[in-house]
C-alpha atoms as a PDB file:
ATOM      1  CA  LEU A   1     100.762  81.134 110.324  1.00  0.00           C
ATOM      2  CA  GLN A   2     103.713  79.382 112.087  1.00  0.00           C
ATOM      3  CA  SER A   3     101.733  76.431 113.209  1.00  0.00           C
ATOM      4  CA  ASP A   4      98.224  74.909 112.965  1.00  0.00           C
ATOM      5  CA  VAL A   5      95.321  76.342 115.091  1.00  0.00           C
ATOM      6  CA  ASP A   6      92.129  74.741 116.421  1.00  0.00           C
ATOM      7  CA  GLU A   7      88.957  75.346 114.469  1.00  0.00           C
ATOM      8  CA  MET A   8      90.847  76.776 111.541  1.00  0.00           C
ATOM      9  CA  SER A   9      87.777  76.532 109.321  1.00  0.00           C
ATOM     10  CA  VAL A  10      85.730  78.583 111.757  1.00  0.00           C
ATOM     11  CA  ILE A  11      88.397  81.136 111.920  1.00  0.00           C
ATOM     12  CA  GLU A  12      88.578  81.268 108.168  1.00  0.00           C
ATOM     13  CA  GLY A  13      84.781  81.729 107.903  1.00  0.00           C
ATOM     14  CA  TRP A  14      84.787  84.631 110.452  1.00  0.00           C
ATOM     15  CA  LEU A  15      87.622  86.388 108.593  1.00  0.00           C
ATOM     16  CA  GLN A  16      85.819  85.874 105.372  1.00  0.00           C
ATOM     17  CA  SER A  17      82.777  87.635 106.821  1.00  0.00           C
ATOM     18  CA  LYS A  18      84.812  90.444 107.781  1.00  0.00           C
ATOM     19  CA  ARG A  19      86.769  90.852 104.506  1.00  0.00           C
ATOM     20  CA  GLY A  20      83.797  90.008 102.256  1.00  0.00           C
ATOM     21  CA  SER A  21      85.941  87.689 100.027  1.00  0.00           C
ATOM     22  CA  ARG A  22      87.550  84.327 100.320  1.00  0.00           C
ATOM     23  CA  VAL A  23      90.171  83.888 103.121  1.00  0.00           C
ATOM     24  CA  VAL A  24      92.534  80.936 103.326  1.00  0.00           C
ATOM     25  CA  ILE A  25      94.723  80.189 106.483  1.00  0.00           C
ATOM     26  CA  ARG A  26      98.046  78.321 105.543  1.00  0.00           C
ATOM     27  CA  VAL A  27     101.016  77.121 107.461  1.00  0.00           C
ATOM     28  CA  PRO A  28     103.969  77.135 105.055  1.00  0.00           C
ATOM     29  CA  LYS A  29     106.409  74.108 105.353  1.00  0.00           C
ATOM     30  CA  ARG A  30     109.310  75.325 103.180  1.00  0.00           C
ATOM     31  CA  GLY A  31     110.774  78.089 101.026  1.00  0.00           C
ATOM     32  CA  GLN A  32     110.196  81.811 100.861  1.00  0.00           C
ATOM     33  CA  LYS A  33     106.802  81.775 102.699  1.00  0.00           C
ATOM     34  CA  LYS A  34     108.054  79.998 105.581  1.00  0.00           C
ATOM     35  CA  ALA A  35     111.156  82.230 105.833  1.00  0.00           C
ATOM     36  CA  LEU A  36     108.718  85.175 105.636  1.00  0.00           C
ATOM     37  CA  VAL A  37     106.508  84.054 108.555  1.00  0.00           C
ATOM     38  CA  GLN A  38     109.627  83.307 110.685  1.00  0.00           C
ATOM     39  CA  MET A  39     110.903  86.810 109.974  1.00  0.00           C
ATOM     40  CA  ALA A  40     107.547  88.195 111.033  1.00  0.00           C
ATOM     41  CA  ALA A  41     107.635  86.231 114.315  1.00  0.00           C
ATOM     42  CA  LYS A  42     111.192  87.344 114.929  1.00  0.00           C
ATOM     43  CA  ASN A  43     110.197  91.044 114.429  1.00  0.00           C
ATOM     44  CA  ALA A  44     107.313  90.650 116.718  1.00  0.00           C
ATOM     45  CA  ALA A  45     109.420  89.209 119.494  1.00  0.00           C
ATOM     46  CA  GLU A  46     111.973  91.949 119.158  1.00  0.00           C
ATOM     47  CA  THR A  47     109.297  94.564 119.191  1.00  0.00           C
ATOM     48  CA  LEU A  48     107.684  93.016 122.345  1.00  0.00           C
ATOM     49  CA  ALA A  49     111.094  92.955 124.035  1.00  0.00           C
ATOM     50  CA  ALA A  50     111.651  96.645 123.240  1.00  0.00           C
ATOM     51  CA  LEU A  51     108.261  97.497 124.522  1.00  0.00           C
ATOM     52  CA  ARG A  52     108.846  95.658 127.758  1.00  0.00           C
ATOM     53  CA  VAL A  53     112.166  97.381 128.379  1.00  0.00           C
ATOM     54  CA  GLN A  54     110.364 100.775 127.705  1.00  0.00           C
ATOM     55  CA  TRP A  55     107.719  99.714 130.152  1.00  0.00           C
ATOM     56  CA  GLU A  56     110.155  98.752 132.907  1.00  0.00           C
ATOM     57  CA  LEU A  57     111.941 102.139 132.462  1.00  0.00           C
ATOM     58  CA  ASP A  58     108.648 104.043 132.705  1.00  0.00           C
ATOM     59  CA  THR A  59     107.849 101.976 135.830  1.00  0.00           C
ATOM     60  CA  ASN A  60     111.222 102.728 137.371  1.00  0.00           C
ATOM     61  CA  LYS A  61     110.523 106.411 136.842  1.00  0.00           C
ATOM     62  CA  HIS A  62     107.188 106.397 138.536  1.00  0.00           C
ATOM     63  CA  VAL A  63     108.916 104.391 141.554  1.00  0.00           C
ATOM     64  CA  THR A  64     111.602 106.946 141.694  1.00  0.00           C
ATOM     65  CA  ALA A  65     109.198 109.963 141.538  1.00  0.00           C
ATOM     66  CA  LEU A  66     106.910 108.487 144.350  1.00  0.00           C
ATOM     67  CA  SER A  67     109.933 107.803 146.533  1.00  0.00           C
ATOM     68  CA  GLU A  68     111.089 111.324 146.071  1.00  0.00           C
ATOM     69  CA  LEU A  69     107.543 112.626 146.846  1.00  0.00           C
ATOM     70  CA  GLN A  70     107.477 110.477 149.978  1.00  0.00           C
ATOM     71  CA  GLU A  71     110.898 111.880 151.229  1.00  0.00           C
ATOM     72  CA  TYR A  72     109.825 115.433 150.471  1.00  0.00           C
ATOM     73  CA  LEU A  73     106.527 115.191 152.354  1.00  0.00           C
ATOM     74  CA  GLY A  74     107.775 113.079 155.018  1.00  0.00           C
ATOM     75  CA  LEU A  75     105.410 110.257 154.478  1.00  0.00           C
ATOM     76  CA  GLU A  76     105.763 106.756 155.906  1.00  0.00           C
ATOM     77  CA  ASN A  77     105.424 104.980 152.626  1.00  0.00           C
ATOM     78  CA  PRO A  78     105.434 106.097 148.903  1.00  0.00           C
ATOM     79  CA  PRO A  79     101.947 107.334 147.986  1.00  0.00           C
ATOM     80  CA  SER A  80     100.412 104.419 145.964  1.00  0.00           C
ATOM     81  CA  ARG A  81      96.925 106.058 145.484  1.00  0.00           C
ATOM     82  CA  ILE A  82      96.889 109.890 145.081  1.00  0.00           C
ATOM     83  CA  GLU A  83      93.614 111.799 144.834  1.00  0.00           C
ATOM     84  CA  CYS A  84      93.634 115.312 143.584  1.00  0.00           C
ATOM     85  CA  TYR A  85      90.640 117.778 143.952  1.00  0.00           C
ATOM     86  CA  ASP A  86      89.789 120.925 142.142  1.00  0.00           C
ATOM     87  CA  ILE A  87      86.809 123.306 142.019  1.00  0.00           C
ATOM     88  CA  SER A  88      85.720 125.061 138.847  1.00  0.00           C
ATOM     89  CA  ASN A  89      82.845 127.483 138.362  1.00  0.00           C
ATOM     90  CA  LEU A  90      81.790 130.539 136.427  1.00  0.00           C
ATOM     91  CA  GLN A  91      81.400 133.318 138.975  1.00  0.00           C
ATOM     92  CA  GLY A  92      79.784 130.995 141.325  1.00  0.00           C
ATOM     93  CA  VAL A  93      77.567 129.366 138.704  1.00  0.00           C
ATOM     94  CA  ALA A  94      77.507 125.718 137.442  1.00  0.00           C
ATOM     95  CA  ALA A  95      80.072 124.848 140.067  1.00  0.00           C
ATOM     96  CA  THR A  96      81.746 121.413 139.806  1.00  0.00           C
ATOM     97  CA  GLY A  97      84.337 119.517 141.890  1.00  0.00           C
ATOM     98  CA  SER A  98      86.738 117.230 140.196  1.00  0.00           C
ATOM     99  CA  MET A  99      88.605 114.255 141.488  1.00  0.00           C
ATOM    100  CA  VAL A 100      91.535 112.955 139.560  1.00  0.00           C
ATOM    101  CA  VAL A 101      93.292 109.740 140.721  1.00  0.00           C
ATOM    102  CA  PHE A 102      96.776 108.317 140.258  1.00  0.00           C
ATOM    103  CA  VAL A 103      97.678 104.779 141.212  1.00  0.00           C
ATOM    104  CA  LYS A 104     101.477 104.023 141.431  1.00  0.00           C
ATOM    105  CA  GLY A 105     102.134 107.130 139.479  1.00  0.00           C
ATOM    106  CA  VAL A 106      99.668 106.325 136.627  1.00  0.00           C
ATOM    107  CA  PRO A 107      96.403 108.169 135.902  1.00  0.00           C
ATOM    108  CA  ARG A 108      93.477 105.806 136.637  1.00  0.00           C
ATOM    109  CA  LYS A 109      90.815 107.383 134.588  1.00  0.00           C
ATOM    110  CA  SER A 110      88.199 104.801 135.616  1.00  0.00           C
ATOM    111  CA  ASP A 111      88.307 106.238 139.147  1.00  0.00           C
ATOM    112  CA  TYR A 112      87.919 109.983 138.133  1.00  0.00           C
ATOM    113  CA  ARG A 113      84.649 111.657 139.384  1.00  0.00           C
ATOM    114  CA  ARG A 114      82.909 114.884 139.041  1.00  0.00           C
ATOM    115  CA  PHE A 115      80.755 116.342 141.786  1.00  0.00           C
ATOM    116  CA  ARG A 116      78.053 118.719 141.037  1.00  0.00           C
ATOM    117  CA  ILE A 117      77.979 121.316 143.943  1.00  0.00           C
ATOM    118  CA  LYS A 118      74.509 121.141 145.556  1.00  0.00           C
ATOM    119  CA  ALA A 119      74.565 122.868 148.830  1.00  0.00           C
ATOM    120  CA  VAL A 120      76.939 125.955 148.419  1.00  0.00           C
ATOM    121  CA  VAL A 121      75.504 129.165 147.023  1.00  0.00           C
ATOM    122  CA  GLY A 122      77.808 131.676 145.432  1.00  0.00           C
ATOM    123  CA  ALA A 123      81.651 131.527 144.820  1.00  0.00           C
ATOM    124  CA  ASN A 124      82.922 129.902 147.985  1.00  0.00           C
ATOM    125  CA  ASP A 125      85.823 127.636 147.117  1.00  0.00           C
ATOM    126  CA  TYR A 126      86.323 126.624 150.686  1.00  0.00           C
ATOM    127  CA  ALA A 127      82.698 125.437 151.241  1.00  0.00           C
ATOM    128  CA  MET A 128      82.741 123.736 147.958  1.00  0.00           C
ATOM    129  CA  ILE A 129      85.962 121.700 148.563  1.00  0.00           C
ATOM    130  CA  GLN A 130      84.421 120.656 151.973  1.00  0.00           C
ATOM    131  CA  GLU A 131      81.143 119.556 150.324  1.00  0.00           C
ATOM    132  CA  VAL A 132      83.055 117.392 147.709  1.00  0.00           C
ATOM    133  CA  LEU A 133      85.273 115.863 150.319  1.00  0.00           C
ATOM    134  CA  ARG A 134      82.382 114.924 152.825  1.00  0.00           C
ATOM    135  CA  ARG A 135      80.500 113.335 150.038  1.00  0.00           C
ATOM    136  CA  ARG A 136      83.540 111.364 148.896  1.00  0.00           C
ATOM    137  CA  PHE A 137      84.734 110.212 152.359  1.00  0.00           C
ATOM    138  CA  LYS A 138      81.187 109.763 153.684  1.00  0.00           C
ATOM    139  CA  ARG A 139      80.895 106.740 151.383  1.00  0.00           C
ATOM    140  CA  VAL A 140      84.191 105.104 152.805  1.00  0.00           C
ATOM    141  CA  LEU A 141      82.806 105.546 156.442  1.00  0.00           C
ATOM    142  CA  ALA A 142      79.389 104.185 155.447  1.00  0.00           C
ATOM    143  CA  ARG A 143      80.960 101.150 153.952  1.00  0.00           C
ATOM    144  CA  ARG A 144      83.247 100.490 156.673  1.00  0.00           C
ATOM    145  CA  LYS A 145      80.245 100.486 159.144  1.00  0.00           C
ATOM    146  CA  GLY A 146      78.347  98.251 156.881  1.00  0.00           C
ATOM    147  CA  GLU A 147      75.710 100.939 156.102  1.00  0.00           C
ATOM    148  CA  GLU A 148      76.318 100.601 152.443  1.00  0.00           C
ATOM    149  CA  GLU A 149      76.922  97.395 150.555  1.00  0.00           C
ATOM    150  CA  ALA A 150      80.322  97.212 148.780  1.00  0.00           C
ATOM    151  CA  THR A 151      80.105  96.511 145.109  1.00  0.00           C
ATOM    152  CA  LYS A 152      82.719  96.212 142.400  1.00  0.00           C
ATOM    153  CA  LYS A 153      81.341  99.217 140.620  1.00  0.00           C
ATOM    154  CA  HIS A 154      82.147 101.406 143.676  1.00  0.00           C
ATOM    155  CA  GLU A 155      85.295  99.674 144.635  1.00  0.00           C
ATOM    156  CA  ALA A 156      87.327 102.799 144.309  1.00  0.00           C
ATOM    157  CA  TRP A 157      85.251 104.514 147.100  1.00  0.00           C
ATOM    158  CA  ASP A 158      86.468 101.752 149.534  1.00  0.00           C
ATOM    159  CA  THR A 159      90.063 102.822 149.315  1.00  0.00           C
ATOM    160  CA  LEU A 160      91.470 105.815 151.181  1.00  0.00           C
ATOM    161  CA  PRO A 161      94.170 107.707 149.407  1.00  0.00           C
ATOM    162  CA  ASP A 162      97.703 107.690 150.565  1.00  0.00           C
ATOM    163  CA  LEU A 163      97.953 111.299 149.612  1.00  0.00           C
ATOM    164  CA  LEU A 164      95.340 113.952 149.102  1.00  0.00           C
ATOM    165  CA  ILE A 165      96.103 117.077 147.079  1.00  0.00           C
ATOM    166  CA  VAL A 166      93.648 120.110 146.900  1.00  0.00           C
ATOM    167  CA  ASP A 167      94.184 122.807 144.391  1.00  0.00           C
ATOM    168  CA  GLY A 168      94.673 126.026 146.307  1.00  0.00           C
ATOM    169  CA  GLY A 169      96.641 127.578 149.148  1.00  0.00           C
ATOM    170  CA  LYS A 170      96.293 127.604 152.988  1.00  0.00           C
ATOM    171  CA  GLY A 171      92.538 128.438 152.816  1.00  0.00           C
ATOM    172  CA  GLN A 172      91.621 125.404 150.701  1.00  0.00           C
ATOM    173  CA  LEU A 173      94.037 123.118 152.611  1.00  0.00           C
ATOM    174  CA  ASN A 174      92.571 124.234 156.055  1.00  0.00           C
ATOM    175  CA  ALA A 175      89.145 123.554 154.590  1.00  0.00           C
ATOM    176  CA  ALA A 176      90.025 120.179 153.609  1.00  0.00           C
ATOM    177  CA  LEU A 177      91.751 119.294 156.852  1.00  0.00           C
ATOM    178  CA  ALA A 178      88.710 120.419 158.778  1.00  0.00           C
ATOM    179  CA  VAL A 179      86.540 117.994 156.946  1.00  0.00           C
ATOM    180  CA  LEU A 180      88.932 115.105 157.470  1.00  0.00           C
ATOM    181  CA  ASP A 181      89.151 116.055 161.177  1.00  0.00           C
ATOM    182  CA  GLU A 182      85.467 115.903 161.711  1.00  0.00           C
ATOM    183  CA  MET A 183      85.478 112.463 159.959  1.00  0.00           C
ATOM    184  CA  GLY A 184      88.331 111.144 162.118  1.00  0.00           C
ATOM    185  CA  LEU A 185      90.653 110.769 158.899  1.00  0.00           C
ATOM    186  CA  THR A 186      93.253 113.399 159.637  1.00  0.00           C
ATOM    187  CA  GLU A 187      95.996 110.906 160.409  1.00  0.00           C
ATOM    188  CA  ALA A 188      94.914 108.397 157.919  1.00  0.00           C
ATOM    189  CA  VAL A 189      95.021 110.637 154.858  1.00  0.00           C
ATOM    190  CA  PRO A 190      98.070 113.039 154.422  1.00  0.00           C
ATOM    191  CA  THR A 191      97.047 116.213 152.823  1.00  0.00           C
ATOM    192  CA  VAL A 192      98.593 119.062 150.953  1.00  0.00           C
ATOM    193  CA  GLY A 193      97.569 122.017 148.848  1.00  0.00           C
ATOM    194  CA  THR A 194      99.059 123.260 145.715  1.00  0.00           C
ATOM    195  CA  VAL A 195      98.909 126.766 144.357  1.00  0.00           C
ATOM    196  CA  SER A 196     100.947 125.835 141.207  1.00  0.00           C
ATOM    197  CA  TYR A 197     102.548 122.823 139.797  1.00  0.00           C
ATOM    198  CA  THR A 198     105.839 123.669 141.464  1.00  0.00           C
ATOM    199  CA  HIS A 199     104.749 124.778 145.062  1.00  0.00           C
ATOM    200  CA  LEU A 200     103.042 122.667 147.758  1.00  0.00           C
ATOM    201  CA  THR A 201     101.473 123.974 150.803  1.00  0.00           C
ATOM    202  CA  LEU A 202     101.822 121.784 153.817  1.00  0.00           C
ATOM    203  CA  PRO A 203      99.765 121.606 156.900  1.00  0.00           C
ATOM    204  CA  THR A 204     101.220 123.802 159.658  1.00  0.00           C
ATOM    205  CA  LYS A 205     101.183 121.027 162.059  1.00  0.00           C
ATOM    206  CA  ALA A 206     103.272 118.824 159.697  1.00  0.00           C
END
């Protein structure tokens, strides 16, 4: 090591239990071993600096992309939280709704959710997307009214998205807008539909 650490004997014992043989921690004071430790520290610092630069570049890309999305969609602010919804089923059987979340342009997998469709019979994408959105935003409204206690486990449910994306064309988009309208969230949650990765369907009133 470069310098002494507290409870060195405890750390040696733990490393020994992992290795299965004797481990000794030393702090070289001179010679080749000290030069080797210094070189390792220098390499680590240079690697960390390179990773920090890469992280900053990636962050700048996200900021630029969100600003472009804001301009294209005419949003008041860059969409910090984006929620994307899709419905999948096998000819109307085993239908599932999926929610994918991006925060500041980065996937937040801890907020991903799956919704098993309960109330819709048959292959009806419009009704299914409405069921999913009602169940998702019903929790937001319930917490705001104090009907449900907010917990850290469900913290993601307390936040409205800055942009809602539904997979599909005007039909799916209008179905989503109908749910937001009945819940009084139309103005609070900008919504678009997408029929491919390169084409967005905007609400006609936008």
